[in-house]
Structure formats: C-alpha cells, structure tokens
Amino acid sequence: MRRVRYARSGGPEVLFLEDAPVPEPGPGELLVRVEAVGVTLPVVRKVREDRAPIALGGEIAGRIVALGAGVTGHAPGDRVTGLVFGHGYAEYALLSTAMASPVPAGAGAVDAVALVRSGLVARGALDAARPAPGEAALVTAAASGVGHLAVQLARLHGAVRVVGAVSDPAKADFVRGLGADEVVPYDREEWGEPVDYALDAVGGELLTPAVRALAPHGRLVAYSSGGGTVAAYDLLVGAKAVVGFQMALIARGRPKVYEAWRQELWRLFAEGALRPAVHAEFALEDAARAHEVVESRGNLGKVVLIP
C-alpha cells in the first residue's frame, strides 16, 4: 500500500510517499480501506515540531476489510469513520473499535471526515461553554474545519448573535453564509459588542482579545494546541472564566456523552441543519499541498486527502 510519512521535522516539503506492507489488525482493531482522510492543524503542527517523527494519524473514513481478534459488532464491508493514532495518511489503516462509528446511508466518506471528528470537537467545546438560550457567542478560526461547524452549532443551541473571528477578511462571506451575524478580523482593535462565551481554536496572542471580547461573567473555552497565556487580572475585573477542553478526555471518560454527540451530529446532518464544508480534496501524493493550505489558514472548511 501507499502511505505518507516524514523522516525529519519541517514544513510540508518534508512529507513523502512510500510503499509499506498492509498492516494486520490486532485485538480490538479494524483494518479499514481508507477512502478519505481529514487534515487537521494539530497534525500539521506536529510535523514542524523538533522531535522524532511520528505516524501521521487523524480522521479517516472507509470500509472495513478485516477484523482483529475479539471484535464484535462490525463486519467486513461496513462503512466506518474514526480517529487513528497510527498511520492514517495511507490506503489502509488500523482503527480501534473504541474510536469507530458507522457512517449512515446517504453520507459519503468525505462527509464523514468533514463532520464527525471536527463536529465532536465543536460540540464538546460548546458544551464546555455552558451556553444558555439568548446568549451571544464568539468563534475564532470561524472558517476552519472545526470553527465553521461551531458557528452553526452555536446558533442551533440558542445563540441569538454569533460573531466569527477570522485571520483574513476575505473569509467573511463564507462565515456569514454559515449563519454568523458579524465577522471580525483578528487585527481589529475592537471586536464589537461583548459576547457571553467564546470558543477559541487559535490560542497564543489571540487569547487576550478573545477574553477582552467577553461580557462580565463571560466564559472562554480554549481548545487550541497553540498554547498562550491569560492575565489573571483580565479575568478578575470582569469575573470572567477560562476553561480548557480536550476531546480525548470525553472519548475515554464519558463514552455515552461522546456517542450522544455523535448521533446528534448525524441527525442534524440528515436534517440539513448542519452543513460541513469541504475546502478542497487532494490526492494522497499531494499531502504536502494539503498541509500548506491548513498551515497557512487559507481553508474555508475541511481539507481532505483521498487515497
């Protein structure tokens, strides 16, 4: 089979295609013929980190071709999606049954990788914000794979005003098309009327203006891998709060909640209420181009690889 790998840290140029044996599924694993792979900013960032190379994992969707020992509830030919921690940028990948979910009839592999993992992160971050009907919401990276779903979910969960923050004003029409009432570029000094909660996917220097955008008693949910710090005084003066969110903790510790969110996403998709957007599809051998788009934050929605 073909797979994408890298041997040293760096930019997209360090990625290369290689031939590798088709892996054998172990206990509790599914061997999946991969039909689509979601490219995420955390994986792109890991390639740049000055550390030993890792397997390029992430969101996949495809058909089961073989089962590992002890697997029940799945069969060859079933269509599934999920998160892989081994090699995912490949024609075949090993998917743990704990991370696998069925792809319903009427949905394609690209739909699955654009909706499920990114949607779960967006839904979880929204839950961490404890939204109440009638509140105003702010979503940073509002045109990203997660952010564009967060904008829609905030509205579906009762936000009467949704503000999208973006790196480039050229993304404004796309974000408004998702249902945002206002779109602000990161470098604008003021981000408009205060909001009750903010979902931040960027971190770093953007944390300060995001906290400043909160109304008194506002909540910011940080789910970015970009790090950053918040001045305690900025929280104190407005009785504001910051909470971190990580999807893996929900998947491992609250599986019933994880599954309920997953079912909600598919229901909203089937009803046409939640619309995952795909910026571009790239062939596996063009993985470097896909990483360039995500790293430059030029995407409007999800970037997908097609093995």
Protein backbone atom coordinates (compact mmCIF):
# COMPACT_ATOMS: atom_id res chain seq x y z
CA MET A 1 0.00 0.00 0.00
CA ARG A 2 0.95 3.68 -0.27
CA ARG A 3 1.29 5.94 2.75
CA VAL A 4 2.64 9.39 3.59
CA ARG A 5 5.46 9.76 6.07
CA TYR A 6 8.26 12.15 7.05
CA ALA A 7 11.78 11.44 8.31
CA ARG A 8 12.68 14.83 9.80
CA SER A 9 10.75 17.76 11.18
CA GLY A 10 9.95 20.70 8.96
CA GLY A 11 7.30 22.16 6.71
CA PRO A 12 5.07 20.42 4.20
CA GLU A 13 8.08 19.78 1.97
CA VAL A 14 9.35 17.01 4.30
CA LEU A 15 6.36 14.75 3.54
CA PHE A 16 6.92 11.91 1.10
CA LEU A 17 5.02 8.92 -0.29
CA GLU A 18 6.31 5.41 0.30
CA ASP A 19 5.27 1.80 -0.17
CA ALA A 20 4.56 -0.15 3.01
CA PRO A 21 3.00 -3.52 3.92
CA VAL A 22 -0.72 -3.58 4.61
CA PRO A 23 -0.98 -3.78 8.42
CA GLU A 24 -2.62 -6.69 10.24
CA PRO A 25 -5.40 -5.83 12.69
CA GLY A 26 -4.70 -6.76 16.29
CA PRO A 27 -7.20 -7.46 19.08
CA GLY A 28 -9.94 -4.84 19.10
CA GLU A 29 -8.86 -3.34 15.78
CA LEU A 30 -10.41 -2.92 12.35
CA LEU A 31 -8.45 -2.88 9.11
CA VAL A 32 -10.04 -0.15 7.00
CA ARG A 33 -9.60 0.58 3.31
CA VAL A 34 -9.31 4.33 3.62
CA GLU A 35 -11.47 6.46 1.33
CA ALA A 36 -10.92 9.88 2.93
CA VAL A 37 -8.58 11.46 5.48
CA GLY A 38 -9.20 14.73 7.31
CA VAL A 39 -6.16 17.03 7.57
CA THR A 40 -6.00 18.87 10.90
CA LEU A 41 -3.91 21.75 12.22
CA PRO A 42 -2.60 19.74 15.23
CA VAL A 43 -1.13 17.09 12.89
CA VAL A 44 0.34 19.78 10.63
CA ARG A 45 1.97 21.40 13.67
CA LYS A 46 3.45 18.10 14.84
CA VAL A 47 5.38 17.76 11.59
CA ARG A 48 7.10 21.06 12.38
CA GLU A 49 7.98 20.13 15.97
CA ASP A 50 11.67 19.45 16.61
CA ARG A 51 11.19 15.88 17.77
CA ALA A 52 11.32 12.36 16.43
CA PRO A 53 8.86 11.81 13.57
CA ILE A 54 5.51 10.26 14.43
CA ALA A 55 2.93 8.38 12.40
CA LEU A 56 0.56 10.78 10.65
CA GLY A 57 -2.75 9.83 12.20
CA GLY A 58 -6.08 11.57 12.30
CA GLU A 59 -9.60 11.27 11.00
CA ILE A 60 -10.34 8.58 8.44
CA ALA A 61 -13.38 7.07 6.78
CA GLY A 62 -13.68 3.96 4.65
CA ARG A 63 -14.77 0.32 4.52
CA ILE A 64 -13.75 -2.48 6.87
CA VAL A 65 -11.79 -5.23 5.13
CA ALA A 66 -10.67 -7.34 8.12
CA LEU A 67 -11.32 -7.73 11.84
CA GLY A 68 -8.89 -8.27 14.69
CA ALA A 69 -9.35 -10.90 17.37
CA GLY A 70 -12.32 -10.40 19.66
CA VAL A 71 -14.07 -7.80 17.51
CA THR A 72 -17.85 -7.93 17.55
CA GLY A 73 -20.49 -5.58 16.20
CA HIS A 74 -18.57 -4.92 12.97
CA ALA A 75 -18.25 -6.82 9.71
CA PRO A 76 -16.19 -6.59 6.53
CA GLY A 77 -17.87 -4.18 4.14
CA ASP A 78 -19.23 -1.91 6.88
CA ARG A 79 -18.55 1.80 6.36
CA VAL A 80 -16.93 3.46 9.37
CA THR A 81 -15.20 6.62 10.44
CA GLY A 82 -12.97 7.40 13.40
CA LEU A 83 -9.67 8.67 14.73
CA VAL A 84 -6.50 6.64 14.19
CA PHE A 85 -3.32 7.15 16.20
CA GLY A 86 -1.07 5.14 13.90
CA HIS A 87 -0.61 5.73 10.19
CA GLY A 88 -3.76 7.33 8.81
CA TYR A 89 -2.38 9.01 5.69
CA ALA A 90 -2.48 5.66 3.92
CA GLU A 91 -4.54 3.40 1.71
CA TYR A 92 -5.18 1.07 4.67
CA ALA A 93 -5.29 1.97 8.35
CA LEU A 94 -5.92 0.31 11.71
CA LEU A 95 -8.88 1.76 13.59
CA SER A 96 -9.65 0.85 17.20
CA THR A 97 -13.25 -0.27 17.69
CA ALA A 98 -13.46 2.19 20.60
CA MET A 99 -12.92 5.05 18.13
CA ALA A 100 -15.04 3.68 15.28
CA SER A 101 -18.55 4.76 14.39
CA PRO A 102 -20.77 3.77 11.48
CA VAL A 103 -21.30 6.04 8.51
CA PRO A 104 -25.04 6.13 7.81
CA ALA A 105 -26.60 5.52 4.41
CA GLY A 106 -26.72 8.66 2.34
CA ALA A 107 -23.43 10.03 3.68
CA GLY A 108 -20.09 9.69 1.95
CA ALA A 109 -16.57 9.22 3.30
CA VAL A 110 -15.75 12.89 2.72
CA ASP A 111 -18.92 13.90 4.59
CA ALA A 112 -17.80 11.71 7.49
CA VAL A 113 -14.31 13.16 7.90
CA ALA A 114 -15.64 16.70 7.48
CA LEU A 115 -18.39 16.19 10.06
CA VAL A 116 -17.62 13.73 12.81
CA ARG A 117 -14.29 14.50 14.46
CA SER A 118 -14.38 18.24 13.82
CA GLY A 119 -18.04 18.30 14.80
CA LEU A 120 -17.35 16.45 18.03
CA VAL A 121 -14.68 18.98 18.98
CA ALA A 122 -17.01 21.85 18.15
CA ARG A 123 -19.88 20.24 20.06
CA GLY A 124 -17.69 19.49 23.06
CA ALA A 125 -16.24 22.99 23.20
CA LEU A 126 -19.77 24.37 23.03
CA ASP A 127 -20.85 22.13 25.90
CA ALA A 128 -17.88 23.32 27.97
CA ALA A 129 -19.10 26.91 27.48
CA ARG A 130 -22.44 26.04 29.14
CA PRO A 131 -24.49 28.01 26.58
CA ALA A 132 -27.91 29.34 27.51
CA PRO A 133 -30.61 30.34 25.03
CA GLY A 134 -30.47 34.00 24.14
CA GLU A 135 -26.73 34.43 24.64
CA ALA A 136 -24.16 35.83 22.21
CA ALA A 137 -21.28 33.66 21.00
CA LEU A 138 -17.83 34.26 19.52
CA VAL A 139 -15.99 31.64 17.45
CA THR A 140 -12.34 32.13 16.48
CA ALA A 141 -10.93 30.39 13.41
CA ALA A 142 -14.53 30.56 12.27
CA ALA A 143 -13.75 29.34 8.74
CA SER A 144 -11.70 26.32 9.86
CA GLY A 145 -12.69 22.66 9.85
CA VAL A 146 -13.91 22.87 13.45
CA GLY A 147 -14.81 26.55 13.55
CA HIS A 148 -17.28 26.52 10.65
CA LEU A 149 -19.24 23.79 12.44
CA ALA A 150 -19.00 25.62 15.78
CA VAL A 151 -20.62 28.69 14.23
CA GLN A 152 -23.58 26.59 13.11
CA LEU A 153 -23.85 24.63 16.37
CA ALA A 154 -23.83 27.78 18.48
CA ARG A 155 -26.84 29.03 16.54
CA LEU A 156 -28.57 25.64 16.77
CA HIS A 157 -28.07 25.69 20.55
CA GLY A 158 -29.78 29.02 21.07
CA ALA A 159 -27.28 31.79 20.38
CA VAL A 160 -29.12 34.91 19.24
CA ARG A 161 -25.92 36.54 17.98
CA VAL A 162 -22.88 34.75 16.59
CA VAL A 163 -19.61 36.52 15.85
CA GLY A 164 -16.95 34.83 13.75
CA ALA A 165 -13.32 35.92 14.12
CA VAL A 166 -11.05 35.22 11.14
CA SER A 167 -7.46 35.70 10.05
CA ASP A 168 -8.42 37.14 6.66
CA PRO A 169 -11.34 39.46 5.88
CA ALA A 170 -11.76 37.57 2.59
CA LYS A 171 -13.34 34.76 4.62
CA ALA A 172 -16.18 36.98 5.80
CA ASP A 173 -18.74 35.99 3.16
CA PHE A 174 -18.14 32.30 3.82
CA VAL A 175 -18.61 32.72 7.57
CA ARG A 176 -21.73 34.84 7.15
CA GLY A 177 -23.07 32.12 4.88
CA LEU A 178 -22.83 29.74 7.83
CA GLY A 179 -25.15 31.97 9.84
CA ALA A 180 -22.77 34.37 11.60
CA ASP A 181 -24.22 37.80 12.26
CA GLU A 182 -20.84 39.53 12.32
CA VAL A 183 -17.32 38.73 11.17
CA VAL A 184 -14.24 40.44 12.62
CA PRO A 185 -10.60 40.13 11.55
CA TYR A 186 -8.13 39.27 14.29
CA ASP A 187 -6.27 42.55 13.90
CA ARG A 188 -9.29 44.76 14.50
CA GLU A 189 -8.80 46.67 17.74
CA GLU A 190 -12.39 46.23 18.90
CA TRP A 191 -14.47 43.14 18.21
CA GLY A 192 -17.88 44.76 18.66
CA GLU A 193 -20.43 44.31 21.43
CA PRO A 194 -19.37 41.87 24.18
CA VAL A 195 -20.34 38.20 23.96
CA ASP A 196 -21.35 35.74 26.65
CA TYR A 197 -18.99 32.97 25.60
CA ALA A 198 -16.13 32.39 23.17
CA LEU A 199 -14.85 29.19 21.58
CA ASP A 200 -11.16 29.67 20.83
CA ALA A 201 -9.28 27.42 18.42
CA VAL A 202 -6.23 29.65 17.98
CA GLY A 203 -4.62 30.45 21.34
CA GLY A 204 -1.37 32.36 21.54
CA GLU A 205 -1.68 36.13 21.24
CA LEU A 206 -5.34 35.82 20.30
CA LEU A 207 -6.33 34.85 23.84
CA THR A 208 -6.08 38.44 25.06
CA PRO A 209 -8.54 39.99 22.58
CA ALA A 210 -10.83 36.97 22.92
CA VAL A 211 -11.03 37.45 26.71
CA ARG A 212 -11.49 41.18 26.19
CA ALA A 213 -14.49 40.43 23.95
CA LEU A 214 -16.31 38.70 26.80
CA ALA A 215 -19.07 40.40 28.75
CA PRO A 216 -18.90 40.30 32.57
CA HIS A 217 -19.24 36.67 33.74
CA GLY A 218 -18.35 35.53 30.21
CA ARG A 219 -16.68 32.18 29.53
CA LEU A 220 -13.88 31.35 27.13
CA VAL A 221 -13.28 27.75 26.09
CA ALA A 222 -9.72 27.11 24.92
CA TYR A 223 -9.35 24.02 22.75
CA SER A 224 -6.35 25.07 20.68
CA SER A 225 -2.98 23.33 20.56
CA GLY A 226 -1.42 26.78 20.09
CA GLY A 227 -0.86 27.49 23.79
CA GLY A 228 -0.81 31.01 25.17
CA THR A 229 -1.47 32.70 28.50
CA VAL A 230 -4.23 34.80 30.01
CA ALA A 231 -3.59 37.59 32.54
CA ALA A 232 -5.37 36.82 35.80
CA TYR A 233 -6.32 40.48 36.20
CA ASP A 234 -8.24 40.36 32.89
CA LEU A 235 -10.38 37.61 34.40
CA LEU A 236 -10.73 39.24 37.80
CA VAL A 237 -12.11 42.60 36.68
CA GLY A 238 -14.98 41.06 34.71
CA ALA A 239 -15.49 37.88 36.77
CA LYS A 240 -14.66 36.01 33.57
CA ALA A 241 -13.66 32.36 33.28
CA VAL A 242 -11.42 30.28 31.03
CA VAL A 243 -11.82 26.52 30.72
CA GLY A 244 -9.78 24.08 28.69
CA PHE A 245 -11.35 21.38 26.55
CA GLN A 246 -9.84 18.19 25.16
CA MET A 247 -11.86 15.71 23.12
CA ALA A 248 -9.77 12.70 24.14
CA LEU A 249 -10.88 13.03 27.77
CA ILE A 250 -14.52 12.82 26.71
CA ALA A 251 -13.90 9.85 24.41
CA ARG A 252 -12.13 7.92 27.17
CA GLY A 253 -14.02 9.04 30.25
CA ARG A 254 -17.56 9.82 29.07
CA PRO A 255 -18.29 7.41 26.21
CA LYS A 256 -22.07 7.80 26.50
CA VAL A 257 -21.79 11.56 26.10
CA TYR A 258 -19.38 11.07 23.18
CA GLU A 259 -21.84 8.75 21.47
CA ALA A 260 -24.80 11.07 22.12
CA TRP A 261 -22.94 13.97 20.49
CA ARG A 262 -22.01 11.78 17.54
CA GLN A 263 -25.63 10.79 16.99
CA GLU A 264 -26.70 14.43 17.29
CA LEU A 265 -24.25 15.44 14.56
CA TRP A 266 -25.52 12.81 12.15
CA ARG A 267 -29.13 13.72 12.93
CA LEU A 268 -28.50 17.41 12.24
CA PHE A 269 -26.66 16.48 9.05
CA ALA A 270 -29.56 14.30 7.86
CA GLU A 271 -32.00 17.12 8.59
CA GLY A 272 -29.88 19.58 6.63
CA ALA A 273 -29.42 21.75 9.72
CA LEU A 274 -25.64 21.23 9.94
CA ARG A 275 -23.63 21.61 6.75
CA PRO A 276 -19.98 20.50 6.76
CA ALA A 277 -17.97 22.39 4.15
CA VAL A 278 -15.02 20.92 2.27
CA HIS A 279 -12.42 23.42 1.10
CA ALA A 280 -10.55 21.00 -1.16
CA GLU A 281 -9.80 17.35 -1.81
CA PHE A 282 -6.21 16.33 -2.51
CA ALA A 283 -4.74 13.04 -3.72
CA LEU A 284 -2.55 11.22 -1.22
CA GLU A 285 0.57 12.14 -3.17
CA ASP A 286 -0.39 15.80 -2.77
CA ALA A 287 -0.38 15.70 1.04
CA ALA A 288 2.21 18.49 1.13
CA ARG A 289 -0.17 20.80 -0.72
CA ALA A 290 -2.94 19.93 1.73
CA HIS A 291 -0.65 20.78 4.67
CA GLU A 292 0.29 24.08 3.03
CA VAL A 293 -3.36 25.12 2.86
CA VAL A 294 -4.04 24.23 6.50
CA GLU A 295 -0.80 25.72 7.80
CA SER A 296 -1.48 29.00 6.00
CA ARG A 297 -5.00 29.01 7.47
CA GLY A 298 -6.31 29.57 3.98
CA ASN A 299 -9.03 26.93 4.13
CA LEU A 300 -12.76 27.52 4.19
CA GLY A 301 -13.94 24.36 5.90
CA LYS A 302 -12.25 20.96 5.83
CA VAL A 303 -9.21 19.88 3.82
CA VAL A 304 -9.38 16.20 2.81
CA LEU A 305 -6.96 13.64 1.37
CA ILE A 306 -8.29 10.95 -0.99
CA PRO A 307 -6.03 7.82 -1.06
